[in-house]
Amino acid sequence: MRKHENHPKSFEQTASSLLQTYRSLVTAAGGTSSSPHKETNFSYSSILPEAPLHPLSPGVAFQDFAQPEKEEVAIIKNNSSAFIGTGLEDKYDDKDG
């Protein structure tokens, strides 16, 4: 059994590779805006000004390797629900894209 170690650079490289592969597949399948596959990027931010994840804190920004592209959905959440206050449910219920 392989010992798992914490390698942040390896995580970033793996996540970046997955994003690039997914984006390439969506593009190869005919584009992004008409594709039924929608990449949604999530960020969590706190509403408390003193919190490390307040919107004015640098820790809230997407990391370079995970920056949403212009046609991708980016949602900043401040609660644990995937849908409350995000508009995400309406976006994915939209049958036309």
N, C-alpha and C. Protein backbone atom coordinates (compact mmCIF):
# COMPACT_ATOMS: atom_id res chain seq x y z
N MET A 1 0.85 -1.17 0.00
CA MET A 1 0.00 0.00 0.00
C MET A 1 0.90 1.23 0.00
N ARG A 2 0.58 2.18 -0.85
CA ARG A 2 1.36 3.40 -0.97
C ARG A 2 1.01 4.37 0.15
N LYS A 3 2.02 4.95 0.73
CA LYS A 3 1.81 5.95 1.78
C LYS A 3 1.40 7.27 1.13
N HIS A 4 0.31 7.85 1.60
CA HIS A 4 -0.16 9.13 1.08
C HIS A 4 0.50 10.26 1.85
N GLU A 5 1.05 11.17 1.11
CA GLU A 5 1.69 12.33 1.72
C GLU A 5 1.03 13.59 1.18
N ASN A 6 1.17 14.64 1.91
CA ASN A 6 0.59 15.91 1.51
C ASN A 6 1.59 16.67 0.64
N HIS A 7 1.30 16.74 -0.67
CA HIS A 7 2.15 17.45 -1.61
C HIS A 7 1.30 18.49 -2.33
N PRO A 8 1.24 19.73 -1.81
CA PRO A 8 0.37 20.74 -2.44
C PRO A 8 0.67 20.95 -3.92
N LYS A 9 1.95 20.93 -4.31
CA LYS A 9 2.26 21.14 -5.71
C LYS A 9 1.70 20.01 -6.55
N SER A 10 1.80 18.78 -6.08
CA SER A 10 1.24 17.65 -6.81
C SER A 10 -0.27 17.78 -6.94
N PHE A 11 -0.93 18.25 -5.87
CA PHE A 11 -2.38 18.47 -5.93
C PHE A 11 -2.70 19.50 -7.00
N GLU A 12 -1.98 20.62 -7.02
CA GLU A 12 -2.24 21.67 -8.00
C GLU A 12 -2.02 21.15 -9.42
N GLN A 13 -0.96 20.38 -9.62
CA GLN A 13 -0.69 19.83 -10.95
C GLN A 13 -1.79 18.86 -11.37
N THR A 14 -2.23 18.03 -10.46
CA THR A 14 -3.29 17.06 -10.77
C THR A 14 -4.60 17.78 -11.07
N ALA A 15 -4.98 18.73 -10.23
CA ALA A 15 -6.23 19.48 -10.45
C ALA A 15 -6.17 20.26 -11.75
N SER A 16 -5.04 20.88 -12.04
CA SER A 16 -4.88 21.63 -13.28
C SER A 16 -5.01 20.71 -14.49
N SER A 17 -4.39 19.54 -14.41
CA SER A 17 -4.48 18.57 -15.50
C SER A 17 -5.92 18.11 -15.73
N LEU A 18 -6.64 17.85 -14.65
CA LEU A 18 -8.05 17.45 -14.77
C LEU A 18 -8.89 18.55 -15.42
N LEU A 19 -8.69 19.79 -14.99
CA LEU A 19 -9.44 20.91 -15.57
C LEU A 19 -9.12 21.07 -17.05
N GLN A 20 -7.85 21.00 -17.40
CA GLN A 20 -7.45 21.16 -18.80
C GLN A 20 -8.04 20.03 -19.66
N THR A 21 -8.01 18.82 -19.16
CA THR A 21 -8.56 17.68 -19.89
C THR A 21 -10.07 17.84 -20.08
N TYR A 22 -10.78 18.21 -19.03
CA TYR A 22 -12.22 18.39 -19.12
C TYR A 22 -12.55 19.50 -20.12
N ARG A 23 -11.85 20.62 -20.02
CA ARG A 23 -12.11 21.73 -20.93
C ARG A 23 -11.84 21.32 -22.37
N SER A 24 -10.81 20.56 -22.61
CA SER A 24 -10.50 20.08 -23.96
C SER A 24 -11.60 19.17 -24.49
N LEU A 25 -12.10 18.28 -23.64
CA LEU A 25 -13.17 17.37 -24.05
C LEU A 25 -14.45 18.13 -24.39
N VAL A 26 -14.80 19.13 -23.59
CA VAL A 26 -15.99 19.92 -23.86
C VAL A 26 -15.84 20.68 -25.17
N THR A 27 -14.67 21.26 -25.39
CA THR A 27 -14.42 21.99 -26.64
C THR A 27 -14.48 21.05 -27.83
N ALA A 28 -13.87 19.87 -27.71
CA ALA A 28 -13.87 18.90 -28.80
C ALA A 28 -15.27 18.39 -29.11
N ALA A 29 -16.15 18.42 -28.12
CA ALA A 29 -17.51 17.93 -28.31
C ALA A 29 -18.42 18.98 -28.93
N GLY A 30 -17.87 20.14 -29.26
CA GLY A 30 -18.68 21.13 -29.96
C GLY A 30 -18.83 22.45 -29.25
N GLY A 31 -18.01 22.75 -28.31
CA GLY A 31 -18.08 24.05 -27.70
C GLY A 31 -18.51 24.01 -26.26
N THR A 32 -18.71 25.19 -25.71
CA THR A 32 -19.02 25.28 -24.29
C THR A 32 -20.41 25.81 -24.03
N SER A 33 -20.82 26.88 -24.70
CA SER A 33 -22.10 27.49 -24.36
C SER A 33 -23.28 26.58 -24.70
N SER A 34 -23.15 25.76 -25.75
CA SER A 34 -24.26 24.88 -26.12
C SER A 34 -24.10 23.49 -25.51
N SER A 35 -22.99 23.25 -24.85
CA SER A 35 -22.73 21.93 -24.29
C SER A 35 -23.62 21.67 -23.08
N PRO A 36 -24.12 20.43 -22.96
CA PRO A 36 -24.89 20.08 -21.75
C PRO A 36 -23.98 19.97 -20.53
N HIS A 37 -22.68 19.92 -20.76
CA HIS A 37 -21.72 19.83 -19.66
C HIS A 37 -21.30 21.23 -19.27
N LYS A 38 -21.57 21.59 -18.03
CA LYS A 38 -21.25 22.93 -17.57
C LYS A 38 -20.30 22.84 -16.39
N GLU A 39 -19.17 23.48 -16.53
CA GLU A 39 -18.24 23.51 -15.41
C GLU A 39 -18.66 24.64 -14.48
N THR A 40 -18.76 24.31 -13.22
CA THR A 40 -19.12 25.29 -12.21
C THR A 40 -18.00 25.36 -11.21
N ASN A 41 -17.51 26.55 -10.98
CA ASN A 41 -16.41 26.78 -10.05
C ASN A 41 -16.98 27.40 -8.78
N PHE A 42 -16.65 26.82 -7.64
CA PHE A 42 -17.17 27.30 -6.37
C PHE A 42 -16.06 27.91 -5.53
N SER A 43 -16.43 28.94 -4.83
CA SER A 43 -15.55 29.55 -3.84
C SER A 43 -16.42 29.83 -2.62
N TYR A 44 -15.86 29.65 -1.46
CA TYR A 44 -16.60 29.94 -0.23
C TYR A 44 -16.05 31.23 0.34
N SER A 45 -16.93 32.13 0.75
CA SER A 45 -16.50 33.33 1.46
C SER A 45 -17.39 33.56 2.65
N SER A 46 -16.80 34.09 3.68
CA SER A 46 -17.52 34.37 4.92
C SER A 46 -18.12 35.76 4.87
N ILE A 47 -19.23 35.94 5.56
CA ILE A 47 -19.82 37.27 5.66
C ILE A 47 -19.24 38.04 6.85
N LEU A 48 -18.42 37.38 7.65
CA LEU A 48 -17.81 38.02 8.81
C LEU A 48 -16.53 38.75 8.42
N PRO A 49 -16.46 40.05 8.63
CA PRO A 49 -15.28 40.82 8.19
C PRO A 49 -13.96 40.33 8.75
N GLU A 50 -13.96 39.76 9.95
CA GLU A 50 -12.71 39.32 10.57
C GLU A 50 -12.30 37.91 10.15
N ALA A 51 -13.13 37.22 9.38
CA ALA A 51 -12.85 35.83 8.99
C ALA A 51 -11.77 35.77 7.91
N PRO A 52 -10.93 34.73 7.95
CA PRO A 52 -9.89 34.59 6.94
C PRO A 52 -10.44 34.41 5.52
N LEU A 53 -11.69 33.97 5.42
CA LEU A 53 -12.28 33.80 4.10
C LEU A 53 -13.30 34.89 3.76
N HIS A 54 -13.10 36.07 4.31
CA HIS A 54 -13.93 37.23 3.93
C HIS A 54 -13.55 37.61 2.50
N PRO A 55 -14.49 38.13 1.69
CA PRO A 55 -14.20 38.45 0.29
C PRO A 55 -13.00 39.37 0.07
N LEU A 56 -12.64 40.17 1.05
CA LEU A 56 -11.49 41.06 0.89
C LEU A 56 -10.16 40.38 1.22
N SER A 57 -10.23 39.13 1.67
CA SER A 57 -9.03 38.38 2.01
C SER A 57 -8.46 37.71 0.76
N PRO A 58 -7.13 37.68 0.61
CA PRO A 58 -6.55 37.02 -0.58
C PRO A 58 -6.81 35.52 -0.63
N GLY A 59 -7.15 34.90 0.49
CA GLY A 59 -7.41 33.47 0.50
C GLY A 59 -8.69 33.06 -0.18
N VAL A 60 -9.53 34.01 -0.55
CA VAL A 60 -10.81 33.71 -1.18
C VAL A 60 -10.67 33.56 -2.70
N ALA A 61 -9.67 34.16 -3.27
CA ALA A 61 -9.49 34.14 -4.72
C ALA A 61 -9.23 32.72 -5.23
N PHE A 62 -9.69 32.45 -6.45
CA PHE A 62 -9.37 31.18 -7.08
C PHE A 62 -7.87 31.12 -7.30
N GLN A 63 -7.28 29.96 -7.09
CA GLN A 63 -5.87 29.80 -7.38
C GLN A 63 -5.66 29.88 -8.89
N ASP A 64 -4.46 30.25 -9.30
CA ASP A 64 -4.18 30.45 -10.72
C ASP A 64 -4.60 29.25 -11.58
N PHE A 65 -4.28 28.05 -11.13
CA PHE A 65 -4.57 26.87 -11.95
C PHE A 65 -6.07 26.59 -12.06
N ALA A 66 -6.88 27.20 -11.20
CA ALA A 66 -8.31 26.92 -11.18
C ALA A 66 -9.16 28.13 -11.55
N GLN A 67 -8.56 29.14 -12.15
CA GLN A 67 -9.31 30.33 -12.55
C GLN A 67 -10.41 29.94 -13.53
N PRO A 68 -11.64 30.34 -13.26
CA PRO A 68 -12.72 30.05 -14.21
C PRO A 68 -12.47 30.76 -15.54
N GLU A 69 -12.78 30.08 -16.61
CA GLU A 69 -12.69 30.71 -17.92
C GLU A 69 -13.97 31.50 -18.17
N LYS A 70 -13.96 32.40 -19.15
CA LYS A 70 -15.06 33.35 -19.33
C LYS A 70 -16.42 32.69 -19.52
N GLU A 71 -16.49 31.52 -20.13
CA GLU A 71 -17.78 30.88 -20.36
C GLU A 71 -18.21 29.96 -19.22
N GLU A 72 -17.40 29.84 -18.20
CA GLU A 72 -17.71 28.97 -17.07
C GLU A 72 -18.44 29.74 -15.97
N VAL A 73 -19.21 29.02 -15.21
CA VAL A 73 -19.97 29.60 -14.11
C VAL A 73 -19.06 29.67 -12.88
N ALA A 74 -19.03 30.81 -12.22
CA ALA A 74 -18.29 30.96 -10.96
C ALA A 74 -19.28 31.41 -9.90
N ILE A 75 -19.37 30.65 -8.84
CA ILE A 75 -20.32 30.95 -7.77
C ILE A 75 -19.56 31.11 -6.45
N ILE A 76 -19.81 32.21 -5.79
CA ILE A 76 -19.23 32.43 -4.47
C ILE A 76 -20.33 32.20 -3.45
N LYS A 77 -20.09 31.25 -2.58
CA LYS A 77 -21.09 30.85 -1.58
C LYS A 77 -20.69 31.34 -0.21
N ASN A 78 -21.68 31.57 0.64
CA ASN A 78 -21.39 31.89 2.05
C ASN A 78 -22.22 31.05 3.00
N ASN A 79 -22.64 29.88 2.49
CA ASN A 79 -23.32 28.90 3.34
C ASN A 79 -22.99 27.51 2.82
N SER A 80 -23.38 26.49 3.56
CA SER A 80 -22.98 25.14 3.21
C SER A 80 -23.88 24.48 2.17
N SER A 81 -24.98 25.12 1.80
CA SER A 81 -25.87 24.55 0.81
C SER A 81 -25.33 24.77 -0.61
N ALA A 82 -25.50 23.77 -1.46
CA ALA A 82 -25.08 23.92 -2.85
C ALA A 82 -26.00 24.85 -3.62
N PHE A 83 -27.21 25.07 -3.13
CA PHE A 83 -28.18 25.83 -3.90
C PHE A 83 -28.64 27.14 -3.26
N ILE A 84 -28.78 27.19 -1.96
CA ILE A 84 -29.34 28.37 -1.31
C ILE A 84 -28.50 29.61 -1.62
N GLY A 85 -29.15 30.61 -2.18
CA GLY A 85 -28.50 31.89 -2.43
C GLY A 85 -27.53 31.92 -3.59
N THR A 86 -27.48 30.86 -4.40
CA THR A 86 -26.50 30.82 -5.48
C THR A 86 -27.10 30.99 -6.88
N GLY A 87 -28.38 30.70 -7.05
CA GLY A 87 -28.98 30.70 -8.38
C GLY A 87 -28.60 29.45 -9.18
N LEU A 88 -27.87 28.53 -8.56
CA LEU A 88 -27.38 27.35 -9.24
C LEU A 88 -28.52 26.44 -9.70
N GLU A 89 -29.51 26.27 -8.87
CA GLU A 89 -30.63 25.40 -9.24
C GLU A 89 -31.30 25.90 -10.52
N ASP A 90 -31.55 27.20 -10.60
CA ASP A 90 -32.18 27.76 -11.81
C ASP A 90 -31.29 27.58 -13.03
N LYS A 91 -29.99 27.76 -12.87
CA LYS A 91 -29.06 27.62 -13.98
C LYS A 91 -29.09 26.21 -14.55
N TYR A 92 -29.12 25.21 -13.69
CA TYR A 92 -29.11 23.83 -14.16
C TYR A 92 -30.48 23.30 -14.50
N ASP A 93 -31.53 23.96 -14.07
CA ASP A 93 -32.88 23.58 -14.47
C ASP A 93 -33.23 24.15 -15.84
N ASP A 94 -32.45 25.14 -16.29
CA ASP A 94 -32.67 25.76 -17.59
C ASP A 94 -32.40 24.74 -18.69
N LYS A 95 -33.40 24.31 -19.36
CA LYS A 95 -33.27 23.28 -20.38
C LYS A 95 -32.59 23.78 -21.65
N ASP A 96 -32.52 25.10 -21.82
CA ASP A 96 -31.92 25.67 -23.04
C ASP A 96 -30.45 26.01 -22.87
N GLY A 97 -29.86 25.70 -21.75
CA GLY A 97 -28.44 25.96 -21.64
C GLY A 97 -28.09 26.71 -20.43
